[in-house]
Protein backbone atom coordinates (compact mmCIF):
# COMPACT_ATOMS: atom_id res chain seq x y z
CA TRP A 1 12.94 -3.27 3.79
CA LEU A 2 13.37 -5.96 1.34
CA ARG A 3 10.65 -6.01 -0.87
CA ASP A 4 9.21 -2.70 -0.65
CA GLY A 5 13.74 -0.74 -0.22
CA GLY A 6 12.03 2.57 0.82
CA CYS A 7 8.87 4.01 0.40
CA THR A 8 6.35 2.71 -1.95
CA TYR A 9 4.82 6.27 -3.25
CA PRO A 10 5.25 6.59 -6.65
CA GLY A 11 8.46 8.43 -7.74
CA CYS A 12 9.01 8.52 -3.75
CA THR A 13 12.90 8.02 -3.11
CA ALA A 14 13.20 7.67 0.25
CA PRO A 15 15.10 5.30 1.87
CA ALA A 16 13.31 1.98 3.87
CA ARG A 17 14.75 3.17 7.10
CA TRP A 18 12.69 6.79 6.79
CA THR A 19 10.22 4.44 6.68
CA ASP A 20 6.91 2.84 8.32
CA ALA A 21 4.31 0.01 7.36
CA HIS A 22 0.86 1.11 6.18
CA HIS A 23 -1.58 -1.61 6.47
CA LEU A 24 -3.33 -1.89 2.23
CA ILE A 25 -6.47 -2.52 4.17
CA HIS A 26 -7.11 -0.95 7.42
CA TRP A 27 -7.19 -3.78 10.09
CA ALA A 28 -10.68 -2.18 11.17
CA ASP A 29 -11.36 -2.36 8.19
CA GLY A 30 -11.02 -6.29 8.24
CA GLY A 31 -7.44 -5.89 6.22
CA PRO A 32 -4.69 -8.77 8.44
CA THR A 33 -1.55 -7.67 9.79
CA ASP A 34 0.44 -9.25 7.68
CA LEU A 35 3.46 -8.55 4.80
CA THR A 36 1.20 -9.12 2.34
CA ASN A 37 -1.01 -6.12 3.85
CA ALA A 38 1.48 -3.79 4.50
CA ALA A 39 3.93 -1.18 2.64
CA LEU A 40 6.54 1.08 3.45
CA LEU A 41 5.26 4.97 3.27
CA CYS A 42 7.61 7.72 4.35
CA ALA A 43 5.36 10.52 6.35
CA ARG A 44 4.95 12.75 3.83
CA HIS A 45 3.48 9.93 1.78
CA HIS A 46 1.56 8.22 4.21
CA THR A 47 -0.35 11.44 5.14
CA ILE A 48 -1.13 11.78 1.94
CA VAL A 49 -2.69 8.10 1.49
CA HIS A 50 -5.02 8.73 4.55
CA THR A 51 -6.09 12.11 3.70
CA ARG A 52 -7.20 11.16 0.04
CA ARG A 53 -8.29 7.85 1.49
CA LEU A 54 -5.73 5.54 -1.78
CA HIS A 55 -5.61 2.08 -2.31
CA GLY A 56 -2.79 0.29 -2.78
CA HIS A 57 -2.04 -3.38 -3.47
CA LEU A 58 0.30 -5.82 -3.76
CA ASP A 59 1.32 -7.28 -7.19
CA THR A 60 2.44 -10.77 -6.51
CA GLN A 61 2.30 -12.23 -10.60
CA PRO A 62 3.93 -8.40 -12.01
CA PRO A 63 3.47 -8.64 -15.91
CA ASP A 64 7.17 -8.09 -16.38
CA ASN A 65 7.75 -11.63 -14.31
CA GLY A 66 9.76 -9.33 -11.51
CA PRO A 67 9.52 -9.11 -8.08
CA PRO A 68 6.32 -8.02 -6.09
CA HIS A 69 6.09 -4.51 -5.47
CA VAL A 70 3.04 -2.16 -4.51
CA VAL A 71 1.66 -0.90 -6.66
CA TRP A 72 -1.47 2.37 -5.90
CA ASP A 73 -4.42 3.65 -7.44
CA LEU A 74 -4.13 7.47 -7.15
CA THR A 75 -7.42 8.53 -8.25
CA PRO A 76 -8.33 9.95 -4.95
CA GLY A 77 -11.18 7.68 -3.19
CA SER A 78 -9.81 4.51 -4.06
CA TYR A 79 -9.76 3.38 -1.40
CA ASP A 80 -13.39 3.55 -0.76
CA HIS A 81 -13.89 2.11 -4.20
CA ALA A 82 -11.83 -0.62 -3.73
CA LEU A 83 -13.59 -1.40 -0.21
CA THR A 84 -17.14 -2.03 -1.65
CA ILE A 85 -15.04 -4.23 -4.28
CA LEU A 86 -12.83 -6.66 -2.02
CA PRO A 87 -13.99 -9.89 -0.18
CA ARG A 88 -14.77 -9.36 3.37
CA ALA A 89 -12.56 -10.34 6.35
CA GLY A 90 -13.39 -12.49 8.52
């Protein structure tokens, strides 16, 4: 709640209390269950992320030296592409 402040989907203003945690790399694909692999999403955007198979990642070193934040690739299928280039856990 503190890091994300609410739904992390671009342009969404849903507050944290209206969101659920989402695994950025799904646990079934080897993603850990920890804060660096989580993002808050409202129900609408959680459905969109899964339906369109969108990839998000935590930017821990933003170019503006701001706090870490989640960045989404809104290209349909970007999650599947990311799985082919990300190191495998385990």
